[in-house]
Amino acid sequence: MALTILDTCINCDVCEPACPNQAISMGADHSVIDPDKCTECMGHFDEPQCVQLCPVDCIPQDPAHAESAEQLLAKYQRLQAAANTEQNASCEKR
């Protein structure tokens, strides 16, 4: 399942650069996670990097976006394919 950032977030900005899928951005009041991009670091790391680095422990799983390990892996593969397509298109323009 995707992760979420609670309103206890202190905006330390540790999580955003650690996310390999660029799923974390600054929201209106605190950092937020795009559930369409969050794979819990599946395919990149054994554990979610944002959870490991968060100094206030405010990044739980998001029950509103329940996903199995297989679904997270499929999302990772889709994101990687899209990134590769985007990168190839960028290289062709040069």
PDB file of N, CA and C in Angstrom:
ATOM      1  N   MET A   1       0.844  -1.176   0.000  1.00  0.00           N
ATOM      2  CA  MET A   1       0.000   0.000   0.000  1.00  0.00           C
ATOM      3  C   MET A   1       0.883   1.229   0.000  1.00  0.00           C
ATOM      4  N   ALA A   2       0.399   2.279  -0.533  1.00  0.00           N
ATOM      5  CA  ALA A   2       1.147   3.533  -0.549  1.00  0.00           C
ATOM      6  C   ALA A   2       1.283   4.067   0.871  1.00  0.00           C
ATOM      7  N   LEU A   3       2.215   4.953   1.049  1.00  0.00           N
ATOM      8  CA  LEU A   3       2.431   5.583   2.342  1.00  0.00           C
ATOM      9  C   LEU A   3       1.771   6.952   2.346  1.00  0.00           C
ATOM     10  N   THR A   4       1.633   7.517   3.522  1.00  0.00           N
ATOM     11  CA  THR A   4       1.081   8.862   3.665  1.00  0.00           C
ATOM     12  C   THR A   4       1.901   9.606   4.711  1.00  0.00           C
ATOM     13  N   ILE A   5       1.883  10.914   4.652  1.00  0.00           N
ATOM     14  CA  ILE A   5       2.590  11.731   5.632  1.00  0.00           C
ATOM     15  C   ILE A   5       1.550  12.431   6.496  1.00  0.00           C
ATOM     16  N   LEU A   6       1.670  12.222   7.796  1.00  0.00           N
ATOM     17  CA  LEU A   6       0.719  12.804   8.749  1.00  0.00           C
ATOM     18  C   LEU A   6       1.006  14.283   8.983  1.00  0.00           C
ATOM     19  N   ASP A   7       0.038  14.975   9.569  1.00  0.00           N
ATOM     20  CA  ASP A   7       0.208  16.407   9.818  1.00  0.00           C
ATOM     21  C   ASP A   7       1.184  16.708  10.952  1.00  0.00           C
ATOM     22  N   THR A   8       1.759  15.683  11.546  1.00  0.00           N
ATOM     23  CA  THR A   8       2.822  15.886  12.534  1.00  0.00           C
ATOM     24  C   THR A   8       4.180  16.098  11.859  1.00  0.00           C
ATOM     25  N   CYS A   9       4.191  16.081  10.544  1.00  0.00           N
ATOM     26  CA  CYS A   9       5.399  16.345   9.754  1.00  0.00           C
ATOM     27  C   CYS A   9       5.959  17.718  10.129  1.00  0.00           C
ATOM     28  N   ILE A  10       7.280  17.796  10.297  1.00  0.00           N
ATOM     29  CA  ILE A  10       7.927  19.061  10.672  1.00  0.00           C
ATOM     30  C   ILE A  10       8.602  19.744   9.473  1.00  0.00           C
ATOM     31  N   ASN A  11       8.322  19.268   8.260  1.00  0.00           N
ATOM     32  CA  ASN A  11       8.882  19.860   7.037  1.00  0.00           C
ATOM     33  C   ASN A  11      10.405  19.920   7.052  1.00  0.00           C
ATOM     34  N   CYS A  12      11.023  18.836   7.508  1.00  0.00           N
ATOM     35  CA  CYS A  12      12.491  18.812   7.579  1.00  0.00           C
ATOM     36  C   CYS A  12      13.116  18.590   6.205  1.00  0.00           C
ATOM     37  N   ASP A  13      12.325  18.131   5.233  1.00  0.00           N
ATOM     38  CA  ASP A  13      12.764  17.920   3.859  1.00  0.00           C
ATOM     39  C   ASP A  13      13.788  16.793   3.722  1.00  0.00           C
ATOM     40  N   VAL A  14      13.779  15.856   4.635  1.00  0.00           N
ATOM     41  CA  VAL A  14      14.675  14.701   4.538  1.00  0.00           C
ATOM     42  C   VAL A  14      14.095  13.661   3.585  1.00  0.00           C
ATOM     43  N   CYS A  15      12.793  13.526   3.568  1.00  0.00           N
ATOM     44  CA  CYS A  15      12.154  12.463   2.801  1.00  0.00           C
ATOM     45  C   CYS A  15      12.118  12.717   1.292  1.00  0.00           C
ATOM     46  N   GLU A  16      11.886  13.945   0.886  1.00  0.00           N
ATOM     47  CA  GLU A  16      11.700  14.227  -0.538  1.00  0.00           C
ATOM     48  C   GLU A  16      12.866  13.783  -1.409  1.00  0.00           C
ATOM     49  N   PRO A  17      14.111  14.158  -1.099  1.00  0.00           N
ATOM     50  CA  PRO A  17      15.209  13.716  -1.962  1.00  0.00           C
ATOM     51  C   PRO A  17      15.517  12.222  -1.844  1.00  0.00           C
ATOM     52  N   ALA A  18      15.039  11.573  -0.792  1.00  0.00           N
ATOM     53  CA  ALA A  18      15.296  10.144  -0.603  1.00  0.00           C
ATOM     54  C   ALA A  18      14.363   9.263  -1.427  1.00  0.00           C
ATOM     55  N   CYS A  19      13.279   9.833  -1.930  1.00  0.00           N
ATOM     56  CA  CYS A  19      12.283   9.043  -2.658  1.00  0.00           C
ATOM     57  C   CYS A  19      12.758   8.758  -4.089  1.00  0.00           C
ATOM     58  N   PRO A  20      12.968   7.488  -4.426  1.00  0.00           N
ATOM     59  CA  PRO A  20      13.452   7.161  -5.769  1.00  0.00           C
ATOM     60  C   PRO A  20      12.411   7.364  -6.868  1.00  0.00           C
ATOM     61  N   ASN A  21      11.147   7.485  -6.487  1.00  0.00           N
ATOM     62  CA  ASN A  21      10.069   7.662  -7.472  1.00  0.00           C
ATOM     63  C   ASN A  21       9.575   9.100  -7.564  1.00  0.00           C
ATOM     64  N   GLN A  22      10.194   9.992  -6.830  1.00  0.00           N
ATOM     65  CA  GLN A  22       9.778  11.388  -6.797  1.00  0.00           C
ATOM     66  C   GLN A  22       8.301  11.511  -6.452  1.00  0.00           C
ATOM     67  N   ALA A  23       7.874  10.694  -5.481  1.00  0.00           N
ATOM     68  CA  ALA A  23       6.476  10.687  -5.062  1.00  0.00           C
ATOM     69  C   ALA A  23       6.192  11.707  -3.966  1.00  0.00           C
ATOM     70  N   ILE A  24       7.241  12.299  -3.389  1.00  0.00           N
ATOM     71  CA  ILE A  24       7.058  13.213  -2.264  1.00  0.00           C
ATOM     72  C   ILE A  24       7.292  14.649  -2.719  1.00  0.00           C
ATOM     73  N   SER A  25       6.380  15.518  -2.330  1.00  0.00           N
ATOM     74  CA  SER A  25       6.510  16.940  -2.657  1.00  0.00           C
ATOM     75  C   SER A  25       5.952  17.753  -1.491  1.00  0.00           C
ATOM     76  N   MET A  26       6.174  19.051  -1.543  1.00  0.00           N
ATOM     77  CA  MET A  26       5.660  19.927  -0.492  1.00  0.00           C
ATOM     78  C   MET A  26       4.192  20.215  -0.763  1.00  0.00           C
ATOM     79  N   GLY A  27       3.366  19.962   0.243  1.00  0.00           N
ATOM     80  CA  GLY A  27       1.951  20.271   0.154  1.00  0.00           C
ATOM     81  C   GLY A  27       1.687  21.639   0.747  1.00  0.00           C
ATOM     82  N   ALA A  28       0.444  21.936   0.998  1.00  0.00           N
ATOM     83  CA  ALA A  28       0.072  23.239   1.541  1.00  0.00           C
ATOM     84  C   ALA A  28       0.651  23.461   2.940  1.00  0.00           C
ATOM     85  N   ASP A  29       0.615  22.417   3.775  1.00  0.00           N
ATOM     86  CA  ASP A  29       1.071  22.557   5.158  1.00  0.00           C
ATOM     87  C   ASP A  29       2.285  21.694   5.495  1.00  0.00           C
ATOM     88  N   HIS A  30       2.455  20.603   4.769  1.00  0.00           N
ATOM     89  CA  HIS A  30       3.571  19.689   5.022  1.00  0.00           C
ATOM     90  C   HIS A  30       3.796  18.830   3.783  1.00  0.00           C
ATOM     91  N   SER A  31       4.826  18.029   3.809  1.00  0.00           N
ATOM     92  CA  SER A  31       5.110  17.154   2.679  1.00  0.00           C
ATOM     93  C   SER A  31       3.954  16.186   2.454  1.00  0.00           C
ATOM     94  N   VAL A  32       3.773  15.799   1.204  1.00  0.00           N
ATOM     95  CA  VAL A  32       2.713  14.858   0.837  1.00  0.00           C
ATOM     96  C   VAL A  32       3.293  13.794  -0.089  1.00  0.00           C
ATOM     97  N   ILE A  33       2.633  12.652  -0.128  1.00  0.00           N
ATOM     98  CA  ILE A  33       3.049  11.543  -0.988  1.00  0.00           C
ATOM     99  C   ILE A  33       1.982  11.304  -2.039  1.00  0.00           C
ATOM    100  N   ASP A  34       2.393  11.252  -3.292  1.00  0.00           N
ATOM    101  CA  ASP A  34       1.496  10.925  -4.397  1.00  0.00           C
ATOM    102  C   ASP A  34       1.331   9.406  -4.416  1.00  0.00           C
ATOM    103  N   PRO A  35       0.150   8.891  -4.078  1.00  0.00           N
ATOM    104  CA  PRO A  35      -0.033   7.442  -4.010  1.00  0.00           C
ATOM    105  C   PRO A  35       0.135   6.749  -5.360  1.00  0.00           C
ATOM    106  N   ASP A  36      -0.005   7.499  -6.444  1.00  0.00           N
ATOM    107  CA  ASP A  36       0.184   6.912  -7.770  1.00  0.00           C
ATOM    108  C   ASP A  36       1.658   6.673  -8.087  1.00  0.00           C
ATOM    109  N   LYS A  37       2.544   7.304  -7.321  1.00  0.00           N
ATOM    110  CA  LYS A  37       3.986   7.125  -7.536  1.00  0.00           C
ATOM    111  C   LYS A  37       4.668   6.344  -6.415  1.00  0.00           C
ATOM    112  N   CYS A  38       4.013   6.217  -5.278  1.00  0.00           N
ATOM    113  CA  CYS A  38       4.624   5.547  -4.130  1.00  0.00           C
ATOM    114  C   CYS A  38       4.573   4.035  -4.301  1.00  0.00           C
ATOM    115  N   THR A  39       5.745   3.404  -4.260  1.00  0.00           N
ATOM    116  CA  THR A  39       5.846   1.943  -4.312  1.00  0.00           C
ATOM    117  C   THR A  39       6.436   1.389  -3.024  1.00  0.00           C
ATOM    118  N   GLU A  40       6.509   2.216  -1.975  1.00  0.00           N
ATOM    119  CA  GLU A  40       7.185   1.858  -0.731  1.00  0.00           C
ATOM    120  C   GLU A  40       8.630   1.442  -1.031  1.00  0.00           C
ATOM    121  N   CYS A  41       9.199   2.040  -2.060  1.00  0.00           N
ATOM    122  CA  CYS A  41      10.573   1.788  -2.522  1.00  0.00           C
ATOM    123  C   CYS A  41      10.757   0.393  -3.100  1.00  0.00           C
ATOM    124  N   MET A  42       9.663  -0.324  -3.346  1.00  0.00           N
ATOM    125  CA  MET A  42       9.724  -1.640  -3.978  1.00  0.00           C
ATOM    126  C   MET A  42      10.470  -1.501  -5.305  1.00  0.00           C
ATOM    127  N   GLY A  43      11.423  -2.377  -5.519  1.00  0.00           N
ATOM    128  CA  GLY A  43      12.223  -2.336  -6.738  1.00  0.00           C
ATOM    129  C   GLY A  43      13.485  -1.512  -6.590  1.00  0.00           C
ATOM    130  N   HIS A  44      13.542  -0.690  -5.565  1.00  0.00           N
ATOM    131  CA  HIS A  44      14.714   0.143  -5.318  1.00  0.00           C
ATOM    132  C   HIS A  44      15.437  -0.272  -4.043  1.00  0.00           C
ATOM    133  N   PHE A  45      14.693  -0.411  -2.951  1.00  0.00           N
ATOM    134  CA  PHE A  45      15.258  -0.700  -1.632  1.00  0.00           C
ATOM    135  C   PHE A  45      14.396  -1.733  -0.927  1.00  0.00           C
ATOM    136  N   ASP A  46      14.942  -2.321   0.122  1.00  0.00           N
ATOM    137  CA  ASP A  46      14.190  -3.309   0.907  1.00  0.00           C
ATOM    138  C   ASP A  46      13.145  -2.666   1.801  1.00  0.00           C
ATOM    139  N   GLU A  47      13.371  -1.411   2.181  1.00  0.00           N
ATOM    140  CA  GLU A  47      12.440  -0.701   3.051  1.00  0.00           C
ATOM    141  C   GLU A  47      12.233   0.717   2.529  1.00  0.00           C
ATOM    142  N   PRO A  48      11.073   1.312   2.808  1.00  0.00           N
ATOM    143  CA  PRO A  48      10.827   2.688   2.375  1.00  0.00           C
ATOM    144  C   PRO A  48      11.861   3.640   2.978  1.00  0.00           C
ATOM    145  N   GLN A  49      12.539   4.374   2.124  1.00  0.00           N
ATOM    146  CA  GLN A  49      13.588   5.278   2.577  1.00  0.00           C
ATOM    147  C   GLN A  49      13.038   6.431   3.401  1.00  0.00           C
ATOM    148  N   CYS A  50      11.878   6.941   3.038  1.00  0.00           N
ATOM    149  CA  CYS A  50      11.307   8.057   3.795  1.00  0.00           C
ATOM    150  C   CYS A  50      11.013   7.649   5.236  1.00  0.00           C
ATOM    151  N   VAL A  51      10.509   6.431   5.414  1.00  0.00           N
ATOM    152  CA  VAL A  51      10.199   5.936   6.760  1.00  0.00           C
ATOM    153  C   VAL A  51      11.482   5.795   7.569  1.00  0.00           C
ATOM    154  N   GLN A  52      12.524   5.276   6.939  1.00  0.00           N
ATOM    155  CA  GLN A  52      13.792   5.089   7.642  1.00  0.00           C
ATOM    156  C   GLN A  52      14.405   6.419   8.071  1.00  0.00           C
ATOM    157  N   LEU A  53      14.237   7.451   7.260  1.00  0.00           N
ATOM    158  CA  LEU A  53      14.901   8.732   7.522  1.00  0.00           C
ATOM    159  C   LEU A  53      14.076   9.720   8.339  1.00  0.00           C
ATOM    160  N   CYS A  54      12.781   9.545   8.397  1.00  0.00           N
ATOM    161  CA  CYS A  54      11.899  10.507   9.077  1.00  0.00           C
ATOM    162  C   CYS A  54      12.243  10.618  10.567  1.00  0.00           C
ATOM    163  N   PRO A  55      12.573  11.833  11.026  1.00  0.00           N
ATOM    164  CA  PRO A  55      12.945  11.996  12.432  1.00  0.00           C
ATOM    165  C   PRO A  55      11.752  12.025  13.398  1.00  0.00           C
ATOM    166  N   VAL A  56      10.530  12.159  12.873  1.00  0.00           N
ATOM    167  CA  VAL A  56       9.366  12.236  13.765  1.00  0.00           C
ATOM    168  C   VAL A  56       8.379  11.085  13.564  1.00  0.00           C
ATOM    169  N   ASP A  57       8.762  10.093  12.787  1.00  0.00           N
ATOM    170  CA  ASP A  57       7.945   8.896  12.620  1.00  0.00           C
ATOM    171  C   ASP A  57       6.502   9.235  12.223  1.00  0.00           C
ATOM    172  N   CYS A  58       6.360   9.984  11.133  1.00  0.00           N
ATOM    173  CA  CYS A  58       5.020  10.425  10.714  1.00  0.00           C
ATOM    174  C   CYS A  58       4.627   9.882   9.338  1.00  0.00           C
ATOM    175  N   ILE A  59       5.215   8.755   8.926  1.00  0.00           N
ATOM    176  CA  ILE A  59       4.924   8.219   7.588  1.00  0.00           C
ATOM    177  C   ILE A  59       4.443   6.769   7.701  1.00  0.00           C
ATOM    178  N   PRO A  60       3.164   6.574   7.969  1.00  0.00           N
ATOM    179  CA  PRO A  60       2.595   5.221   8.034  1.00  0.00           C
ATOM    180  C   PRO A  60       2.064   4.775   6.664  1.00  0.00           C
ATOM    181  N   GLN A  61       1.638   3.534   6.606  1.00  0.00           N
ATOM    182  CA  GLN A  61       0.950   3.060   5.407  1.00  0.00           C
ATOM    183  C   GLN A  61      -0.400   3.755   5.325  1.00  0.00           C
ATOM    184  N   ASP A  62      -0.850   3.985   4.103  1.00  0.00           N
ATOM    185  CA  ASP A  62      -2.110   4.681   3.862  1.00  0.00           C
ATOM    186  C   ASP A  62      -3.212   3.659   3.587  1.00  0.00           C
ATOM    187  N   PRO A  63      -4.094   3.421   4.551  1.00  0.00           N
ATOM    188  CA  PRO A  63      -5.141   2.412   4.353  1.00  0.00           C
ATOM    189  C   PRO A  63      -6.090   2.746   3.202  1.00  0.00           C
ATOM    190  N   ALA A  64      -6.121   3.985   2.788  1.00  0.00           N
ATOM    191  CA  ALA A  64      -6.976   4.371   1.655  1.00  0.00           C
ATOM    192  C   ALA A  64      -6.391   3.913   0.322  1.00  0.00           C
ATOM    193  N   HIS A  65      -5.137   3.479   0.340  1.00  0.00           N
ATOM    194  CA  HIS A  65      -4.464   3.026  -0.884  1.00  0.00           C
ATOM    195  C   HIS A  65      -3.799   1.673  -0.648  1.00  0.00           C
ATOM    196  N   ALA A  66      -4.611   0.691  -0.286  1.00  0.00           N
ATOM    197  CA  ALA A  66      -4.106  -0.658  -0.013  1.00  0.00           C
ATOM    198  C   ALA A  66      -3.659  -1.322  -1.311  1.00  0.00           C
ATOM    199  N   GLU A  67      -2.431  -1.860  -1.296  1.00  0.00           N
ATOM    200  CA  GLU A  67      -1.880  -2.551  -2.456  1.00  0.00           C
ATOM    201  C   GLU A  67      -1.036  -3.728  -1.970  1.00  0.00           C
ATOM    202  N   SER A  68      -1.070  -4.799  -2.723  1.00  0.00           N
ATOM    203  CA  SER A  68      -0.249  -5.959  -2.393  1.00  0.00           C
ATOM    204  C   SER A  68       1.178  -5.718  -2.893  1.00  0.00           C
ATOM    205  N   ALA A  69       2.081  -6.574  -2.486  1.00  0.00           N
ATOM    206  CA  ALA A  69       3.464  -6.487  -2.968  1.00  0.00           C
ATOM    207  C   ALA A  69       3.501  -6.615  -4.489  1.00  0.00           C
ATOM    208  N   GLU A  70       2.654  -7.461  -5.039  1.00  0.00           N
ATOM    209  CA  GLU A  70       2.603  -7.649  -6.498  1.00  0.00           C
ATOM    210  C   GLU A  70       2.128  -6.366  -7.189  1.00  0.00           C
ATOM    211  N   GLN A  71       1.146  -5.703  -6.597  1.00  0.00           N
ATOM    212  CA  GLN A  71       0.653  -4.448  -7.171  1.00  0.00           C
ATOM    213  C   GLN A  71       1.709  -3.351  -7.086  1.00  0.00           C
ATOM    214  N   LEU A  72       2.438  -3.300  -5.968  1.00  0.00           N
ATOM    215  CA  LEU A  72       3.506  -2.300  -5.833  1.00  0.00           C
ATOM    216  C   LEU A  72       4.608  -2.554  -6.856  1.00  0.00           C
ATOM    217  N   LEU A  73       4.954  -3.821  -7.073  1.00  0.00           N
ATOM    218  CA  LEU A  73       5.977  -4.152  -8.054  1.00  0.00           C
ATOM    219  C   LEU A  73       5.513  -3.787  -9.460  1.00  0.00           C
ATOM    220  N   ALA A  74       4.253  -4.049  -9.770  1.00  0.00           N
ATOM    221  CA  ALA A  74       3.714  -3.681 -11.080  1.00  0.00           C
ATOM    222  C   ALA A  74       3.731  -2.162 -11.260  1.00  0.00           C
ATOM    223  N   LYS A  75       3.423  -1.416 -10.205  1.00  0.00           N
ATOM    224  CA  LYS A  75       3.471   0.050 -10.274  1.00  0.00           C
ATOM    225  C   LYS A  75       4.909   0.512 -10.519  1.00  0.00           C
ATOM    226  N   TYR A  76       5.866  -0.100  -9.803  1.00  0.00           N
ATOM    227  CA  TYR A  76       7.285   0.209 -10.007  1.00  0.00           C
ATOM    228  C   TYR A  76       7.674  -0.016 -11.468  1.00  0.00           C
ATOM    229  N   GLN A  77       7.272  -1.134 -12.028  1.00  0.00           N
ATOM    230  CA  GLN A  77       7.620  -1.456 -13.415  1.00  0.00           C
ATOM    231  C   GLN A  77       6.997  -0.449 -14.388  1.00  0.00           C
ATOM    232  N   ARG A  78       5.757  -0.030 -14.133  1.00  0.00           N
ATOM    233  CA  ARG A  78       5.110   0.995 -14.973  1.00  0.00           C
ATOM    234  C   ARG A  78       5.856   2.323 -14.887  1.00  0.00           C
ATOM    235  N   LEU A  79       6.207   2.712 -13.672  1.00  0.00           N
ATOM    236  CA  LEU A  79       6.925   3.978 -13.482  1.00  0.00           C
ATOM    237  C   LEU A  79       8.281   3.949 -14.170  1.00  0.00           C
ATOM    238  N   GLN A  80       8.979   2.814 -14.078  1.00  0.00           N
ATOM    239  CA  GLN A  80      10.288   2.691 -14.719  1.00  0.00           C
ATOM    240  C   GLN A  80      10.158   2.730 -16.242  1.00  0.00           C
ATOM    241  N   ALA A  81       9.160   2.059 -16.772  1.00  0.00           N
ATOM    242  CA  ALA A  81       8.934   2.072 -18.221  1.00  0.00           C
ATOM    243  C   ALA A  81       8.628   3.487 -18.697  1.00  0.00           C
ATOM    244  N   ALA A  82       7.802   4.210 -17.944  1.00  0.00           N
ATOM    245  CA  ALA A  82       7.467   5.592 -18.310  1.00  0.00           C
ATOM    246  C   ALA A  82       8.706   6.480 -18.233  1.00  0.00           C
ATOM    247  N   ALA A  83       9.535   6.300 -17.210  1.00  0.00           N
ATOM    248  CA  ALA A  83      10.749   7.103 -17.064  1.00  0.00           C
ATOM    249  C   ALA A  83      11.718   6.807 -18.200  1.00  0.00           C
ATOM    250  N   ASN A  84      11.832   5.543 -18.591  1.00  0.00           N
ATOM    251  CA  ASN A  84      12.723   5.178 -19.695  1.00  0.00           C
ATOM    252  C   ASN A  84      12.230   5.752 -21.012  1.00  0.00           C
ATOM    253  N   THR A  85      10.924   5.724 -21.231  1.00  0.00           N
ATOM    254  CA  THR A  85      10.346   6.294 -22.445  1.00  0.00           C
ATOM    255  C   THR A  85      10.597   7.798 -22.486  1.00  0.00           C
ATOM    256  N   GLU A  86      10.395   8.453 -21.359  1.00  0.00           N
ATOM    257  CA  GLU A  86      10.628   9.898 -21.257  1.00  0.00           C
ATOM    258  C   GLU A  86      12.106  10.228 -21.498  1.00  0.00           C
ATOM    259  N   GLN A  87      12.987   9.429 -20.928  1.00  0.00           N
ATOM    260  CA  GLN A  87      14.417   9.659 -21.093  1.00  0.00           C
ATOM    261  C   GLN A  87      14.835   9.441 -22.543  1.00  0.00           C
ATOM    262  N   ASN A  88      14.315   8.399 -23.186  1.00  0.00           N
ATOM    263  CA  ASN A  88      14.645   8.144 -24.575  1.00  0.00           C
ATOM    264  C   ASN A  88      14.151   9.273 -25.473  1.00  0.00           C
ATOM    265  N   ALA A  89      12.967   9.781 -25.201  1.00  0.00           N
ATOM    266  CA  ALA A  89      12.425  10.880 -25.991  1.00  0.00           C
ATOM    267  C   ALA A  89      13.289  12.131 -25.828  1.00  0.00           C
ATOM    268  N   SER A  90      13.765  12.355 -24.629  1.00  0.00           N
ATOM    269  CA  SER A  90      14.632  13.505 -24.359  1.00  0.00           C
ATOM    270  C   SER A  90      15.949  13.373 -25.106  1.00  0.00           C
ATOM    271  N   CYS A  91      16.501  12.175 -25.151  1.00  0.00           N
ATOM    272  CA  CYS A  91      17.766  11.946 -25.851  1.00  0.00           C
ATOM    273  C   CYS A  91      17.606  12.110 -27.364  1.00  0.00           C
ATOM    274  N   GLU A  92      16.457  11.712 -27.887  1.00  0.00           N
ATOM    275  CA  GLU A  92      16.216  11.833 -29.327  1.00  0.00           C
ATOM    276  C   GLU A  92      16.101  13.288 -29.767  1.00  0.00           C
ATOM    277  N   LYS A  93      15.688  14.181 -28.876  1.00  0.00           N
ATOM    278  CA  LYS A  93      15.539  15.590 -29.213  1.00  0.00           C
ATOM    279  C   LYS A  93      16.881  16.289 -29.354  1.00  0.00           C
ATOM    280  N   ARG A  94      17.916  15.696 -28.780  1.00  0.00           N
ATOM    281  CA  ARG A  94      19.242  16.327 -28.814  1.00  0.00           C
ATOM    282  C   ARG A  94      19.888  16.187 -30.119  1.00  0.00           C
TER     283      ARG A  94
END
